[in-house]
Amino acid sequence: MTGGGGAALLVVGDVVTDVVARHRGPLAPGTDTAASVRTLPGGAGANVACWAAHRGCAEVRLLGRVGADAAAWHERELTAAGVRARLVVDPVAPTGTVICLVDTGAAAERTFLTDSGASLRLEPGDWSPSLLDGVARLHLSGYLLFSDPSRALFSAALESARARGVPVSLDPASAGFLTRLGVDRFLELVAGVDVLLPSRDEACLVTGLPDAADAAAKLSRHVPLVVVKQGAEGALVARSGSVCARVPALPAVPRDTTGAGDAFTGAFLAALLTGAGPRDAAAEGCRAGALAVTRVGGRPPGGAPQGT
């Protein structure tokens, strides 16, 4: 995984198998709920890489860890999406699996049941500074922060990038897991990150503020560039303690919101790499997010077959 010219995006993060169950109305405890069920490739890190490639990033690389049970399938899907994958095959743990329960009502809101499996067993031994050869940007999935081995790898990768002057972005990934990690610990770990891409819920959780704009402004005093993803309300761009841009969402009829934030992040980073400023890059992110919610699963067109 070496390259020249400093034009590549390297993503380090989770690769998982998504089982997407789309149901209408509330679940019926103790009995059956009719659903359309599909098994698809996923994982926040892998999804970001695929959307960056889809949105025109010339070279996208991915470092992740999977089990032997699905390694070949995931590698094929990533290659088909235009991503150069380096997948470490875990000798013990299976590939991570996420059950995505999607209510097919108007909002197509999703709930995740997550078995991280091998994805959070990435460790410092899987990292080498040479992975940054030819890399212009490093993106780290926030899921790396939620286990001891992958947290150590996160720190090693961040240190290597800072030593080389490679800018680093982070998507916090999960408000639920952030609560368990703790806000103070999170802010300590992300010191040195250049771009933070939280959801509205994550930004409000980390800052303790109920308003997304206030949260974005406060976070931008810790991280140079903050982009808060707000789904159907678009995105906020903040620098130096204030919001400098409000980017509207594009209208879309949602089928499944799984991976919409990953789509935003991937397209945003691809746009930065081709010279766009933060506002225009956020607009690209909103376009990708609007496309993502019209599809089942977290990947862009051209990857795994889509369900109905």
Protein backbone atom coordinates (compact mmCIF):
# COMPACT_ATOMS: atom_id res chain seq x y z
CA MET A 1 0.00 0.00 0.00
CA THR A 2 2.53 2.56 -1.07
CA GLY A 3 2.00 5.39 -3.49
CA GLY A 4 3.53 8.64 -4.63
CA GLY A 5 2.46 12.23 -4.99
CA GLY A 6 0.72 12.63 -1.67
CA ALA A 7 -2.73 12.41 -3.25
CA ALA A 8 -4.27 9.42 -1.47
CA LEU A 9 -6.81 9.23 1.32
CA LEU A 10 -6.13 6.60 3.96
CA VAL A 11 -9.07 5.49 6.09
CA VAL A 12 -8.49 3.44 9.23
CA GLY A 13 -11.58 1.91 10.73
CA ASP A 14 -14.24 -0.71 10.95
CA VAL A 15 -15.31 -3.21 8.30
CA VAL A 16 -18.47 -5.09 9.26
CA THR A 17 -21.33 -7.08 7.81
CA ASP A 18 -24.67 -5.26 7.94
CA VAL A 19 -27.88 -7.21 8.27
CA VAL A 20 -30.53 -4.64 7.34
CA ALA A 21 -34.08 -5.43 8.43
CA ARG A 22 -36.63 -2.93 7.09
CA HIS A 23 -39.97 -3.12 8.92
CA ARG A 24 -43.04 -0.89 9.04
CA GLY A 25 -44.38 0.28 12.36
CA PRO A 26 -43.32 -0.80 15.83
CA LEU A 27 -41.66 -4.13 16.53
CA ALA A 28 -44.00 -6.74 18.02
CA PRO A 29 -42.34 -8.19 21.16
CA GLY A 30 -42.79 -11.91 21.66
CA THR A 31 -43.96 -12.64 18.11
CA ASP A 32 -43.19 -11.96 14.44
CA THR A 33 -42.70 -8.63 12.71
CA ALA A 34 -42.66 -8.80 8.91
CA ALA A 35 -39.51 -7.31 7.41
CA SER A 36 -37.38 -7.19 4.29
CA VAL A 37 -33.94 -8.49 5.28
CA ARG A 38 -30.68 -8.01 3.32
CA THR A 39 -27.06 -8.83 4.14
CA LEU A 40 -24.71 -6.11 2.89
CA PRO A 41 -21.12 -4.93 3.41
CA GLY A 42 -20.81 -2.07 5.87
CA GLY A 43 -18.80 -0.47 8.65
CA ALA A 44 -18.35 3.26 9.15
CA GLY A 45 -14.70 3.26 8.06
CA ALA A 46 -15.33 1.09 5.01
CA ASN A 47 -18.39 3.11 4.01
CA VAL A 48 -16.45 6.39 4.19
CA ALA A 49 -13.73 4.92 1.97
CA CYS A 50 -16.27 3.71 -0.61
CA TRP A 51 -18.10 7.05 -0.75
CA ALA A 52 -14.80 8.93 -1.11
CA ALA A 53 -13.91 6.73 -4.08
CA HIS A 54 -17.41 7.16 -5.51
CA ARG A 55 -17.14 10.94 -5.25
CA GLY A 56 -13.91 11.08 -7.23
CA CYS A 57 -11.00 10.63 -4.84
CA ALA A 58 -8.25 9.32 -7.10
CA GLU A 59 -6.83 6.85 -4.59
CA VAL A 60 -8.53 5.58 -1.46
CA ARG A 61 -6.92 3.09 0.90
CA LEU A 62 -8.42 1.33 3.89
CA LEU A 63 -6.91 -0.43 6.88
CA GLY A 64 -9.30 -2.64 8.83
CA ARG A 65 -9.58 -5.98 10.59
CA VAL A 66 -12.01 -8.77 9.74
CA GLY A 67 -12.52 -12.42 10.57
CA ALA A 68 -11.66 -15.28 8.25
CA ASP A 69 -15.38 -15.95 7.82
CA ALA A 70 -15.99 -12.97 5.50
CA ALA A 71 -12.55 -11.58 4.60
CA ALA A 72 -12.66 -12.55 0.92
CA TRP A 73 -16.16 -11.16 0.43
CA HIS A 74 -15.34 -7.83 2.03
CA GLU A 75 -12.15 -7.48 0.02
CA ARG A 76 -14.03 -8.14 -3.22
CA GLU A 77 -16.70 -5.58 -2.35
CA LEU A 78 -14.14 -2.93 -1.44
CA THR A 79 -12.12 -3.55 -4.58
CA ALA A 80 -15.27 -3.29 -6.69
CA ALA A 81 -15.96 0.07 -5.03
CA GLY A 82 -12.52 1.37 -6.00
CA VAL A 83 -10.88 1.03 -2.57
CA ARG A 84 -7.43 -0.49 -2.02
CA ALA A 85 -8.02 -2.52 1.09
CA ARG A 86 -5.50 -3.85 3.58
CA LEU A 87 -7.60 -6.19 5.69
CA VAL A 88 -5.91 -7.87 8.64
CA VAL A 89 -7.50 -11.28 9.18
CA ASP A 90 -8.09 -11.86 12.88
CA PRO A 91 -7.07 -15.38 13.99
CA VAL A 92 -9.80 -15.59 16.63
CA ALA A 93 -12.70 -13.16 16.24
CA PRO A 94 -15.29 -13.23 13.46
CA THR A 95 -16.08 -10.25 11.29
CA GLY A 96 -18.12 -7.63 13.11
CA THR A 97 -21.87 -7.71 12.50
CA VAL A 98 -24.44 -4.96 12.85
CA ILE A 99 -28.16 -5.60 12.84
CA CYS A 100 -29.76 -2.47 11.35
CA LEU A 101 -33.45 -2.18 12.25
CA VAL A 102 -34.97 0.34 9.85
CA ASP A 103 -38.51 1.60 10.31
CA THR A 104 -39.83 2.15 6.78
CA GLY A 105 -41.99 5.06 7.93
CA ALA A 106 -41.44 8.61 6.69
CA ALA A 107 -38.09 9.16 8.46
CA ALA A 108 -36.63 5.69 7.72
CA GLU A 109 -34.88 5.94 11.09
CA ARG A 110 -32.54 3.12 12.09
CA THR A 111 -31.49 1.40 15.28
CA PHE A 112 -28.25 -0.59 15.48
CA LEU A 113 -27.45 -3.77 17.37
CA THR A 114 -23.67 -3.98 17.19
CA ASP A 115 -21.28 -6.90 17.60
CA SER A 116 -17.94 -5.28 16.79
CA GLY A 117 -16.12 -8.61 16.46
CA ALA A 118 -12.72 -8.30 14.79
CA SER A 119 -13.21 -4.64 13.82
CA LEU A 120 -12.23 -3.29 17.25
CA ARG A 121 -9.27 -5.68 17.55
CA LEU A 122 -7.09 -3.52 15.33
CA GLU A 123 -3.91 -2.98 17.33
CA PRO A 124 -0.65 -1.03 17.11
CA GLY A 125 1.04 -4.01 15.46
CA ASP A 126 -1.30 -3.54 12.49
CA TRP A 127 -0.01 0.01 12.00
CA SER A 128 3.14 1.17 10.25
CA PRO A 129 4.14 4.77 9.45
CA SER A 130 4.85 3.54 5.92
CA LEU A 131 1.09 3.29 5.42
CA LEU A 132 1.18 7.07 5.10
CA ASP A 133 3.51 7.00 2.08
CA GLY A 134 1.76 9.00 -0.64
CA VAL A 135 -1.12 9.94 1.65
CA ALA A 136 -2.53 13.48 1.66
CA ARG A 137 -5.17 12.91 4.34
CA LEU A 138 -5.77 10.36 7.10
CA HIS A 139 -9.30 9.65 8.29
CA LEU A 140 -9.90 7.75 11.52
CA SER A 141 -13.21 6.15 12.40
CA GLY A 142 -14.42 7.02 15.88
CA TYR A 143 -15.18 3.36 16.51
CA LEU A 144 -11.43 2.94 17.04
CA LEU A 145 -11.81 4.80 20.34
CA PHE A 146 -14.05 2.19 21.89
CA SER A 147 -11.62 -0.64 22.70
CA ASP A 148 -8.16 -0.70 24.25
CA PRO A 149 -6.28 -2.26 21.27
CA SER A 150 -7.84 -0.03 18.60
CA ARG A 151 -7.51 3.05 20.84
CA ALA A 152 -3.76 2.36 21.01
CA LEU A 153 -3.64 2.04 17.22
CA PHE A 154 -5.60 5.31 16.92
CA SER A 155 -2.96 7.10 18.98
CA ALA A 156 -0.11 5.57 16.98
CA ALA A 157 -1.68 6.55 13.66
CA LEU A 158 -2.40 10.08 14.86
CA GLU A 159 1.16 10.48 16.11
CA SER A 160 2.59 9.22 12.79
CA ALA A 161 0.39 11.60 10.80
CA ARG A 162 1.31 14.59 12.95
CA ALA A 163 5.01 13.76 12.52
CA ARG A 164 4.59 13.80 8.74
CA GLY A 165 2.33 16.83 8.57
CA VAL A 166 -0.60 14.78 7.24
CA PRO A 167 -3.95 16.30 8.28
CA VAL A 168 -6.24 14.00 10.23
CA SER A 169 -10.03 13.85 10.33
CA LEU A 170 -12.29 11.98 12.74
CA ASP A 171 -15.94 10.99 12.78
CA PRO A 172 -16.96 10.27 16.41
CA ALA A 173 -19.22 7.44 15.12
CA SER A 174 -21.60 6.69 18.01
CA ALA A 175 -23.27 8.82 20.65
CA GLY A 176 -24.02 5.68 22.64
CA PHE A 177 -20.41 4.51 22.72
CA LEU A 178 -19.22 8.09 23.37
CA THR A 179 -21.31 8.17 26.53
CA ARG A 180 -19.54 5.06 27.75
CA LEU A 181 -16.08 6.42 26.83
CA GLY A 182 -16.70 9.77 28.51
CA VAL A 183 -16.53 13.28 27.09
CA ASP A 184 -13.31 14.30 28.83
CA ARG A 185 -11.54 11.16 27.63
CA PHE A 186 -12.79 11.76 24.10
CA LEU A 187 -11.50 15.34 23.98
CA GLU A 188 -8.17 14.19 25.36
CA LEU A 189 -7.81 11.51 22.70
CA VAL A 190 -8.71 13.75 19.75
CA ALA A 191 -6.20 16.47 20.59
CA GLY A 192 -4.21 16.95 17.38
CA VAL A 193 -7.08 16.09 15.02
CA ASP A 194 -7.57 18.72 12.29
CA VAL A 195 -11.17 18.03 11.23
CA LEU A 196 -14.02 16.73 13.39
CA LEU A 197 -17.21 15.48 11.72
CA PRO A 198 -19.79 14.70 14.42
CA SER A 199 -23.50 14.22 14.05
CA ARG A 200 -25.74 16.74 15.78
CA ASP A 201 -26.35 14.31 18.65
CA GLU A 202 -22.63 13.65 19.08
CA ALA A 203 -21.74 17.35 19.01
CA CYS A 204 -24.38 18.16 21.62
CA LEU A 205 -23.31 15.24 23.78
CA VAL A 206 -19.63 16.19 23.77
CA THR A 207 -20.29 19.87 24.54
CA GLY A 208 -23.31 19.50 26.82
CA LEU A 209 -25.11 22.13 24.74
CA PRO A 210 -28.62 21.58 23.33
CA ASP A 211 -28.18 23.72 20.21
CA ALA A 212 -26.15 22.27 17.32
CA ALA A 213 -24.73 25.64 16.24
CA ASP A 214 -23.56 26.43 19.75
CA ALA A 215 -22.05 22.95 19.99
CA ALA A 216 -20.25 23.34 16.66
CA ALA A 217 -18.83 26.70 17.72
CA LYS A 218 -17.62 25.33 21.06
CA LEU A 219 -15.99 22.27 19.46
CA SER A 220 -14.15 24.50 16.99
CA ARG A 221 -12.20 25.92 19.91
CA HIS A 222 -10.79 22.40 20.42
CA VAL A 223 -10.42 21.31 16.77
CA PRO A 224 -9.51 23.69 13.91
CA LEU A 225 -12.40 22.68 11.62
CA VAL A 226 -15.71 21.23 12.81
CA VAL A 227 -18.50 20.08 10.50
CA VAL A 228 -21.70 19.03 12.24
CA LYS A 229 -23.94 16.72 10.21
CA GLN A 230 -27.65 17.39 10.77
CA GLY A 231 -29.33 15.02 8.34
CA ALA A 232 -32.36 16.67 6.75
CA GLU A 233 -31.26 20.02 8.22
CA GLY A 234 -27.95 20.05 6.35
CA ALA A 235 -24.59 20.81 7.92
CA LEU A 236 -22.84 23.45 10.00
CA VAL A 237 -19.22 24.48 9.41
CA ALA A 238 -17.37 26.08 12.33
CA ARG A 239 -13.90 27.53 12.84
CA SER A 240 -12.20 29.45 15.66
CA GLY A 241 -15.22 29.42 17.95
CA SER A 242 -17.96 30.44 15.52
CA VAL A 243 -20.16 28.97 12.78
CA CYS A 244 -18.95 30.23 9.40
CA ALA A 245 -21.34 28.36 7.09
CA ARG A 246 -24.77 26.75 7.15
CA VAL A 247 -25.16 24.32 4.28
CA PRO A 248 -28.69 23.15 3.38
CA ALA A 249 -29.58 19.52 2.80
CA LEU A 250 -30.92 18.32 -0.53
CA PRO A 251 -34.49 17.01 -0.60
CA ALA A 252 -34.73 13.22 -0.60
CA VAL A 253 -37.31 10.55 0.12
CA PRO A 254 -35.54 8.25 2.60
CA ARG A 255 -35.61 4.46 2.39
CA ASP A 256 -32.78 3.76 4.84
CA THR A 257 -30.66 6.29 6.73
CA THR A 258 -27.91 3.72 7.45
CA GLY A 259 -24.56 5.16 6.36
CA ALA A 260 -25.83 8.63 5.44
CA GLY A 261 -23.29 10.25 7.75
CA ASP A 262 -20.54 8.07 6.30
CA ALA A 263 -21.57 9.16 2.80
CA PHE A 264 -21.31 12.80 3.88
CA THR A 265 -17.87 12.25 5.37
CA GLY A 266 -16.50 10.38 2.36
CA ALA A 267 -17.72 12.96 -0.14
CA PHE A 268 -16.57 15.84 2.08
CA LEU A 269 -13.03 14.43 2.30
CA ALA A 270 -12.91 13.68 -1.43
CA ALA A 271 -13.88 17.28 -2.14
CA LEU A 272 -11.19 18.64 0.19
CA LEU A 273 -8.62 16.50 -1.60
CA THR A 274 -9.61 17.99 -4.95
CA GLY A 275 -9.18 21.54 -3.63
CA ALA A 276 -12.66 22.51 -2.40
CA GLY A 277 -13.07 24.74 0.61
CA PRO A 278 -15.01 23.54 3.68
CA ARG A 279 -18.33 25.10 2.62
CA ASP A 280 -18.25 23.55 -0.87
CA ALA A 281 -16.99 20.26 0.54
CA ALA A 282 -19.93 20.24 2.97
CA ALA A 283 -22.28 20.80 0.05
CA GLU A 284 -20.77 17.73 -1.62
CA GLY A 285 -21.32 15.85 1.63
CA CYS A 286 -24.97 16.85 1.69
CA ARG A 287 -25.41 15.66 -1.90
CA ALA A 288 -23.92 12.29 -1.02
CA GLY A 289 -26.05 12.02 2.11
CA ALA A 290 -29.19 12.70 0.11
CA LEU A 291 -28.28 9.92 -2.31
CA ALA A 292 -27.39 7.54 0.51
CA VAL A 293 -30.78 7.73 2.23
CA THR A 294 -32.55 6.65 -0.97
CA ARG A 295 -30.65 3.34 -0.95
CA VAL A 296 -30.69 0.29 1.28
CA GLY A 297 -27.40 -0.15 3.16
CA GLY A 298 -24.47 2.16 3.68
CA ARG A 299 -22.60 1.95 0.36
CA PRO A 300 -22.80 4.03 -2.83
CA PRO A 301 -24.12 2.81 -6.19
CA GLY A 302 -21.93 0.23 -7.87
CA GLY A 303 -21.18 -1.90 -4.81
CA ALA A 304 -23.23 -4.75 -3.44
CA PRO A 305 -26.66 -5.47 -5.01
CA GLN A 306 -29.41 -3.38 -3.47
CA GLY A 307 -32.47 -4.76 -1.76
CA THR A 308 -36.04 -3.67 -2.34
